[in-house]
């Protein structure tokens, strides 16, 4: 396993981190439930192979992830840097303390190494975290008591917000998305690294989009990589500011494959990275012939996120990632990020969107296509 300097924390972190958000399930009493024993076995195997960073959160795996991680770390807690997250539901630091104590109890540990303000953006940071009596004050008290070792944040906002939060000078590490298909945080990650923050990347396989078989992706480096996950992970780890790529692994086989990749000291050459970049940009160009994501069609009277749904269709149509596209489509209206939204079948053909589309896309017909293919 390769290890890298983790910002200014004084820690060397494994290039591969274990993201405990896709742990395996089993059947019990006719119901699908999370398999605690197998989940713990997978995590322990990762640690055996040199992974020393394990990330979880209170809501992962139907709120069971922290419990499973806690079981996995029994007897090996000193070999792992443990990360979990604080859901920011209000501006009251007391709720952060309750969240922290809940995580400590579920994990059955006496401290968290990296405690993340979860899903932080500029607005949330300024109105709920960095305010008198807010989460940041509670975090500092917890650090003074030794319950938290390092202040961290995870990020799902626009790149400019990441830079603003870094410049506040209160965090030591950041967890953000970066992969072959989404490089929007690339420059901001480098900025964070240059400012001394440790950078961990989530979604190196694009949330599973790059995890399946894809001849198009493997063909980018013929003969050099054996799988789509390999090229995806190697691309992420080739960024000089990335300390660790966090992968959600639900099997021993996935752990062993990813650990092998993260133990390969050879880097992609500049030519290879350029080749990958050009191919990905061409795919984006093809996707934009379908929908540019300009949002001129919005808002939809039926609360259909038209550009978002077309983006899902692009993963199916352009990247050949149909399983991922169907999974994302099925989640519409069911997550904190898209509550209240409706899928393509809710279209009533009012045509308000088509009159505003600069691409003159036949949106109504395209929505019908999406409903047929992904519904």
Protein backbone atom coordinates (compact mmCIF):
# COMPACT_ATOMS: atom_id res chain seq x y z
CA UNK A 1 0.00 0.00 0.00
CA UNK A 2 1.21 3.48 -0.84
CA UNK A 3 1.01 6.20 1.83
CA UNK A 4 0.93 9.95 1.39
CA UNK A 5 1.38 13.00 3.58
CA UNK A 6 -2.05 14.10 4.82
CA UNK A 7 -1.79 17.87 4.65
CA UNK A 8 -0.35 19.42 7.78
CA UNK A 9 -1.85 16.83 10.13
CA UNK A 10 1.46 15.02 10.61
CA UNK A 11 -0.17 11.79 9.43
CA UNK A 12 0.65 9.54 6.49
CA UNK A 13 -2.56 8.19 5.05
CA UNK A 14 -3.12 5.15 2.79
CA UNK A 15 -3.74 6.00 -0.86
CA UNK A 16 -6.89 3.88 -0.65
CA UNK A 17 -9.50 4.61 1.99
CA UNK A 18 -12.44 2.42 2.95
CA UNK A 19 -15.81 4.12 2.48
CA UNK A 20 -18.36 2.23 4.57
CA UNK A 21 -21.43 3.27 2.61
CA UNK A 22 -21.96 0.19 0.40
CA UNK A 23 -21.62 -2.68 2.84
CA UNK A 24 -23.11 -6.06 1.86
CA UNK A 25 -26.60 -7.30 2.65
CA UNK A 26 -28.00 -10.73 3.35
CA UNK A 27 -31.49 -12.24 3.67
CA UNK A 28 -32.99 -12.90 7.09
CA UNK A 29 -36.61 -13.80 7.73
CA UNK A 30 -37.45 -13.02 4.14
CA UNK A 31 -36.04 -9.50 4.41
CA UNK A 32 -32.84 -7.94 3.12
CA UNK A 33 -30.66 -6.76 6.00
CA UNK A 34 -27.10 -5.58 6.33
CA UNK A 35 -24.69 -8.40 7.04
CA UNK A 36 -22.73 -7.16 10.05
CA UNK A 37 -20.30 -10.07 10.15
CA UNK A 38 -19.44 -9.97 6.45
CA UNK A 39 -19.21 -6.18 6.49
CA UNK A 40 -16.78 -6.32 9.40
CA UNK A 41 -14.76 -9.03 7.65
CA UNK A 42 -14.41 -6.90 4.52
CA UNK A 43 -13.24 -3.88 6.51
CA UNK A 44 -10.73 -5.96 8.44
CA UNK A 45 -9.35 -7.38 5.20
CA UNK A 46 -8.81 -3.84 3.93
CA UNK A 47 -6.86 -3.01 7.08
CA UNK A 48 -4.79 -6.18 6.62
CA UNK A 49 -3.87 -4.93 3.15
CA UNK A 50 -2.68 -1.59 4.52
CA UNK A 51 -5.76 0.65 4.46
CA UNK A 52 -5.52 2.95 7.47
CA UNK A 53 -8.41 5.36 6.78
CA UNK A 54 -12.01 4.24 7.31
CA UNK A 55 -14.89 6.61 6.65
CA UNK A 56 -18.49 6.22 7.77
CA UNK A 57 -21.50 8.40 8.66
CA UNK A 58 -24.60 8.20 10.86
CA UNK A 59 -27.04 7.62 7.97
CA UNK A 60 -25.04 5.18 5.83
CA UNK A 61 -26.47 1.70 5.33
CA UNK A 62 -29.82 2.49 6.92
CA UNK A 63 -28.01 3.93 9.97
CA UNK A 64 -26.09 0.69 10.57
CA UNK A 65 -22.71 1.58 9.04
CA UNK A 66 -21.18 3.04 12.20
CA UNK A 67 -22.18 -0.04 14.21
CA UNK A 68 -20.61 -2.37 11.63
CA UNK A 69 -17.44 -0.28 11.47
CA UNK A 70 -17.23 -0.34 15.26
CA UNK A 71 -17.41 -4.13 15.25
CA UNK A 72 -14.76 -4.34 12.54
CA UNK A 73 -12.29 -2.19 14.47
CA UNK A 74 -12.41 -4.20 17.70
CA UNK A 75 -8.81 -5.01 18.54
CA UNK A 76 -7.35 -3.02 15.63
CA UNK A 77 -8.54 0.51 16.46
CA UNK A 78 -4.94 1.71 16.79
CA UNK A 79 -4.23 0.76 13.17
CA UNK A 80 -6.92 3.00 11.70
CA UNK A 81 -7.74 6.69 11.39
CA UNK A 82 -11.50 6.83 11.83
CA UNK A 83 -13.69 9.37 10.05
CA UNK A 84 -17.38 10.08 10.52
CA UNK A 85 -19.71 13.01 9.99
CA UNK A 86 -21.93 15.53 11.72
CA UNK A 87 -25.34 16.12 10.09
CA UNK A 88 -25.90 19.88 10.23
CA UNK A 89 -29.62 20.27 10.84
CA UNK A 90 -29.65 23.61 12.68
CA UNK A 91 -27.33 26.32 14.02
CA UNK A 92 -27.23 24.96 17.56
CA UNK A 93 -23.91 23.53 18.70
CA UNK A 94 -25.76 21.33 21.19
CA UNK A 95 -27.07 19.23 18.30
CA UNK A 96 -23.50 18.71 17.07
CA UNK A 97 -22.57 17.44 20.53
CA UNK A 98 -25.51 15.02 20.50
CA UNK A 99 -24.53 13.82 17.03
CA UNK A 100 -20.94 13.30 18.12
CA UNK A 101 -21.90 11.40 21.24
CA UNK A 102 -24.26 9.23 19.18
CA UNK A 103 -21.48 8.36 16.77
CA UNK A 104 -19.03 7.58 19.58
CA UNK A 105 -21.60 5.23 21.11
CA UNK A 106 -22.46 3.43 17.86
CA UNK A 107 -18.79 3.08 16.93
CA UNK A 108 -17.95 2.13 20.53
CA UNK A 109 -14.79 4.26 20.54
CA UNK A 110 -13.48 7.04 22.78
CA UNK A 111 -12.55 9.46 19.99
CA UNK A 112 -12.99 10.27 16.30
CA UNK A 113 -9.84 11.07 14.35
CA UNK A 114 -11.48 13.14 11.60
CA UNK A 115 -14.91 14.60 12.35
CA UNK A 116 -16.52 16.13 9.28
CA UNK A 117 -19.03 18.90 9.04
CA UNK A 118 -21.20 16.99 6.59
CA UNK A 119 -22.08 18.39 3.16
CA UNK A 120 -20.75 21.84 3.89
CA UNK A 121 -21.27 24.75 1.51
CA UNK A 122 -20.83 28.48 1.93
CA UNK A 123 -24.41 29.13 3.06
CA UNK A 124 -24.42 26.32 5.62
CA UNK A 125 -20.97 27.27 6.88
CA UNK A 126 -21.91 30.92 7.37
CA UNK A 127 -25.39 30.43 8.87
CA UNK A 128 -25.09 27.24 10.94
CA UNK A 129 -21.46 26.32 11.55
CA UNK A 130 -19.39 29.48 11.97
CA UNK A 131 -21.86 31.39 14.15
CA UNK A 132 -21.96 32.14 17.90
CA UNK A 133 -23.04 28.98 19.71
CA UNK A 134 -22.86 27.03 16.45
CA UNK A 135 -21.29 23.78 15.37
CA UNK A 136 -17.77 25.13 15.05
CA UNK A 137 -17.68 26.24 18.69
CA UNK A 138 -18.98 22.82 19.77
CA UNK A 139 -16.37 21.12 17.58
CA UNK A 140 -13.56 23.10 19.20
CA UNK A 141 -14.79 22.11 22.67
CA UNK A 142 -14.89 18.47 21.64
CA UNK A 143 -11.32 18.75 20.35
CA UNK A 144 -10.20 20.32 23.62
CA UNK A 145 -11.68 17.29 25.41
CA UNK A 146 -9.90 14.85 23.10
CA UNK A 147 -13.13 13.48 21.62
CA UNK A 148 -12.14 14.71 18.15
CA UNK A 149 -8.56 14.90 16.88
CA UNK A 150 -8.94 16.83 13.62
CA UNK A 151 -11.54 19.26 12.22
CA UNK A 152 -12.73 18.27 8.75
CA UNK A 153 -15.50 18.95 6.29
CA UNK A 154 -17.13 17.12 3.42
CA UNK A 155 -18.24 19.09 0.42
CA UNK A 156 -21.00 18.97 -2.23
CA UNK A 157 -21.20 22.61 -3.33
CA UNK A 158 -19.64 24.54 -6.25
CA UNK A 159 -15.85 24.75 -6.35
CA UNK A 160 -15.80 28.45 -5.48
CA UNK A 161 -17.42 27.64 -2.14
CA UNK A 162 -14.70 25.10 -1.36
CA UNK A 163 -12.09 27.83 -1.72
CA UNK A 164 -14.03 30.17 0.57
CA UNK A 165 -14.33 27.52 3.28
CA UNK A 166 -10.62 26.67 3.00
CA UNK A 167 -9.78 30.37 3.39
CA UNK A 168 -11.71 30.48 6.67
CA UNK A 169 -8.69 28.64 8.09
CA UNK A 170 -10.60 26.40 10.51
CA UNK A 171 -10.34 22.95 8.90
CA UNK A 172 -7.46 20.53 8.49
CA UNK A 173 -8.88 18.16 5.87
CA UNK A 174 -11.54 18.11 3.16
CA UNK A 175 -13.51 15.31 1.55
CA UNK A 176 -14.86 16.15 -1.92
CA UNK A 177 -15.88 14.50 -5.16
CA UNK A 178 -13.45 14.02 -8.03
CA UNK A 179 -13.34 11.45 -10.82
CA UNK A 180 -12.92 11.00 -14.55
CA UNK A 181 -16.45 12.20 -15.20
CA UNK A 182 -16.53 15.07 -12.70
CA UNK A 183 -13.42 17.24 -12.48
CA UNK A 184 -15.18 20.41 -11.31
CA UNK A 185 -13.26 20.46 -8.01
CA UNK A 186 -9.84 19.87 -9.56
CA UNK A 187 -8.37 23.37 -9.16
CA UNK A 188 -10.03 23.93 -5.77
CA UNK A 189 -8.55 20.66 -4.48
CA UNK A 190 -5.09 21.85 -5.50
CA UNK A 191 -5.80 25.14 -3.73
CA UNK A 192 -6.76 23.27 -0.55
CA UNK A 193 -3.61 21.15 -0.80
CA UNK A 194 -1.44 24.24 -1.27
CA UNK A 195 -3.03 25.73 1.86
CA UNK A 196 -1.98 22.69 3.89
CA UNK A 197 -5.25 20.73 3.97
CA UNK A 198 -5.31 16.98 3.54
CA UNK A 199 -7.50 16.09 0.56
CA UNK A 200 -9.56 12.91 0.40
CA UNK A 201 -11.57 12.17 -2.73
CA UNK A 202 -14.96 10.46 -2.65
CA UNK A 203 -16.55 8.90 -5.71
CA UNK A 204 -13.31 7.99 -7.51
CA UNK A 205 -15.35 5.46 -9.49
CA UNK A 206 -18.06 8.01 -10.17
CA UNK A 207 -20.52 6.50 -7.69
CA UNK A 208 -20.21 3.16 -9.47
CA UNK A 209 -20.42 4.57 -13.01
CA UNK A 210 -16.80 3.63 -13.66
CA UNK A 211 -16.93 0.38 -11.73
CA UNK A 212 -18.62 -1.74 -14.34
CA UNK A 213 -17.21 -3.18 -17.55
CA UNK A 214 -16.50 -0.51 -20.15
CA UNK A 215 -14.41 -1.26 -23.21
CA UNK A 216 -14.39 2.43 -24.05
CA UNK A 217 -12.73 3.30 -20.74
CA UNK A 218 -10.23 0.42 -20.81
CA UNK A 219 -9.28 1.32 -24.38
CA UNK A 220 -7.91 4.65 -23.15
CA UNK A 221 -4.74 2.86 -21.99
CA UNK A 222 -4.63 -0.41 -23.97
CA UNK A 223 -2.57 -3.13 -22.36
CA UNK A 224 -1.75 -1.06 -19.28
CA UNK A 225 -4.88 -1.51 -17.19
CA UNK A 226 -7.10 -4.53 -16.69
CA UNK A 227 -10.35 -2.85 -15.64
CA UNK A 228 -12.35 0.35 -15.61
CA UNK A 229 -11.89 0.76 -11.82
CA UNK A 230 -8.12 0.58 -12.30
CA UNK A 231 -7.95 3.46 -14.75
CA UNK A 232 -10.44 5.48 -12.67
CA UNK A 233 -8.48 5.04 -9.43
CA UNK A 234 -5.12 5.64 -11.08
CA UNK A 235 -6.44 8.82 -12.67
CA UNK A 236 -7.63 10.18 -9.31
CA UNK A 237 -4.42 9.23 -7.51
CA UNK A 238 -2.35 10.92 -10.21
CA UNK A 239 -3.61 14.32 -8.97
CA UNK A 240 -0.73 15.73 -6.89
CA UNK A 241 -3.07 17.14 -4.25
CA UNK A 242 -4.95 13.91 -3.52
CA UNK A 243 -3.83 12.04 -0.42
CA UNK A 244 -6.46 9.31 -0.47
CA UNK A 245 -9.16 7.92 -2.75
CA UNK A 246 -12.17 6.80 -0.72
CA UNK A 247 -13.91 3.79 -2.27
CA UNK A 248 -17.14 2.15 -1.17
CA UNK A 249 -16.29 -1.55 -1.26
CA UNK A 250 -18.86 -4.25 -0.67
CA UNK A 251 -16.80 -7.39 -1.20
CA UNK A 252 -13.39 -8.90 -0.44
CA UNK A 253 -12.71 -9.03 -4.18
CA UNK A 254 -13.25 -5.29 -4.56
CA UNK A 255 -10.98 -4.59 -1.60
CA UNK A 256 -8.19 -6.76 -2.96
CA UNK A 257 -8.43 -5.29 -6.47
CA UNK A 258 -8.43 -1.69 -5.24
CA UNK A 259 -5.61 -2.37 -2.77
CA UNK A 260 -3.53 -3.78 -5.61
CA UNK A 261 -4.08 -0.64 -7.66
CA UNK A 262 -3.29 1.63 -4.69
CA UNK A 263 -0.03 -0.26 -4.15
CA UNK A 264 1.24 0.45 -7.67
CA UNK A 265 3.85 3.20 -7.45
CA UNK A 266 3.95 3.80 -11.21
CA UNK A 267 2.18 6.99 -12.20
CA UNK A 268 0.31 7.87 -15.34
CA UNK A 269 2.50 9.83 -17.73
CA UNK A 270 1.55 13.31 -18.86
CA UNK A 271 0.68 11.89 -22.29
CA UNK A 272 -1.56 9.23 -20.76
CA UNK A 273 -3.39 11.73 -18.60
CA UNK A 274 -3.86 13.99 -21.62
CA UNK A 275 -5.25 11.09 -23.63
CA UNK A 276 -7.76 10.30 -20.89
CA UNK A 277 -8.71 13.96 -20.54
CA UNK A 278 -9.31 14.37 -24.26
CA UNK A 279 -11.47 11.25 -24.43
CA UNK A 280 -13.56 12.32 -21.43
CA UNK A 281 -13.99 15.82 -22.85
CA UNK A 282 -15.15 14.33 -26.16
CA UNK A 283 -17.75 12.28 -24.30
CA UNK A 284 -18.90 15.44 -22.56
CA UNK A 285 -19.18 17.16 -25.93
CA UNK A 286 -21.36 14.34 -27.23
CA UNK A 287 -23.51 14.63 -24.12
CA UNK A 288 -23.91 18.36 -24.67
CA UNK A 289 -25.33 17.73 -28.15
CA UNK A 290 -28.21 16.22 -26.22
CA UNK A 291 -28.50 18.76 -23.39
CA UNK A 292 -26.06 21.46 -22.31
CA UNK A 293 -27.43 21.74 -18.78
CA UNK A 294 -28.05 25.47 -19.21
CA UNK A 295 -31.22 25.30 -17.05
CA UNK A 296 -33.13 27.68 -19.33
CA UNK A 297 -35.97 25.12 -19.36
CA UNK A 298 -36.39 25.42 -15.61
CA UNK A 299 -38.36 25.66 -13.41
CA UNK A 300 -40.74 22.93 -14.49
CA UNK A 301 -44.34 23.42 -13.24
CA UNK A 302 -44.40 19.71 -12.32
CA UNK A 303 -41.08 19.95 -10.43
CA UNK A 304 -39.21 17.72 -12.86
CA UNK A 305 -35.46 18.39 -12.82
CA UNK A 306 -35.18 18.22 -16.60
CA UNK A 307 -31.38 18.82 -16.93
CA UNK A 308 -30.70 16.43 -14.04
CA UNK A 309 -32.78 13.68 -15.63
CA UNK A 310 -31.14 14.24 -19.00
CA UNK A 311 -27.76 13.98 -17.26
CA UNK A 312 -28.80 10.54 -15.98
CA UNK A 313 -29.74 9.58 -19.51
CA UNK A 314 -26.30 10.69 -20.73
CA UNK A 315 -24.63 8.15 -18.44
CA UNK A 316 -26.72 5.51 -20.18
CA UNK A 317 -26.46 6.89 -23.72
CA UNK A 318 -22.91 8.30 -23.83
CA UNK A 319 -21.01 6.33 -21.18
CA UNK A 320 -22.93 3.05 -21.39
CA UNK A 321 -23.56 3.07 -17.63
CA UNK A 322 -27.21 1.99 -17.72
CA UNK A 323 -27.31 0.33 -14.29
CA UNK A 324 -26.07 3.50 -12.61
CA UNK A 325 -28.49 5.66 -14.62
CA UNK A 326 -31.44 3.48 -13.58
CA UNK A 327 -30.33 3.56 -9.94
CA UNK A 328 -30.12 7.35 -9.95
CA UNK A 329 -33.46 7.66 -11.72
CA UNK A 330 -35.12 5.40 -9.17
CA UNK A 331 -33.86 7.66 -6.34
CA UNK A 332 -35.64 10.79 -7.62
CA UNK A 333 -37.66 12.33 -4.81
CA UNK A 334 -36.24 9.93 -2.23
CA UNK A 335 -33.04 11.63 -1.03
CA UNK A 336 -32.34 14.83 0.94
CA UNK A 337 -30.95 16.35 -2.28
CA UNK A 338 -34.01 15.83 -4.47
CA UNK A 339 -36.96 15.75 -2.09
CA UNK A 340 -40.16 16.83 -3.83
CA UNK A 341 -38.79 16.28 -7.32
CA UNK A 342 -40.66 14.03 -9.75
CA UNK A 343 -39.45 11.72 -12.47
CA UNK A 344 -40.02 12.03 -16.21
CA UNK A 345 -43.38 10.25 -16.09
CA UNK A 346 -44.87 13.30 -14.30
CA UNK A 347 -44.65 15.38 -17.50
CA UNK A 348 -48.08 16.72 -18.53
CA UNK A 349 -46.81 18.00 -21.91
CA UNK A 350 -47.43 21.66 -21.13
CA UNK A 351 -44.43 22.51 -23.36
CA UNK A 352 -43.35 25.43 -21.18
CA UNK A 353 -39.80 24.03 -21.28
CA UNK A 354 -39.56 23.61 -25.04
CA UNK A 355 -40.26 27.25 -25.72
CA UNK A 356 -37.24 28.23 -23.61
CA UNK A 357 -34.68 25.64 -24.82
CA UNK A 358 -31.89 27.29 -26.89
CA UNK A 359 -30.97 23.84 -28.29
CA UNK A 360 -34.55 23.38 -29.52
CA UNK A 361 -34.57 19.92 -27.97
CA UNK A 362 -37.85 18.04 -28.17
CA UNK A 363 -37.94 17.81 -24.40
CA UNK A 364 -41.35 16.16 -24.12
CA UNK A 365 -40.32 13.30 -26.40
CA UNK A 366 -36.95 12.97 -24.65
CA UNK A 367 -38.67 12.71 -21.27
CA UNK A 368 -40.83 9.93 -22.66
CA UNK A 369 -37.66 8.16 -23.83
CA UNK A 370 -36.16 8.50 -20.36
CA UNK A 371 -39.29 7.12 -18.70
CA UNK A 372 -39.25 4.12 -21.06
CA UNK A 373 -35.54 3.36 -20.71
CA UNK A 374 -34.87 4.17 -17.06
CA UNK A 375 -38.28 3.85 -15.44
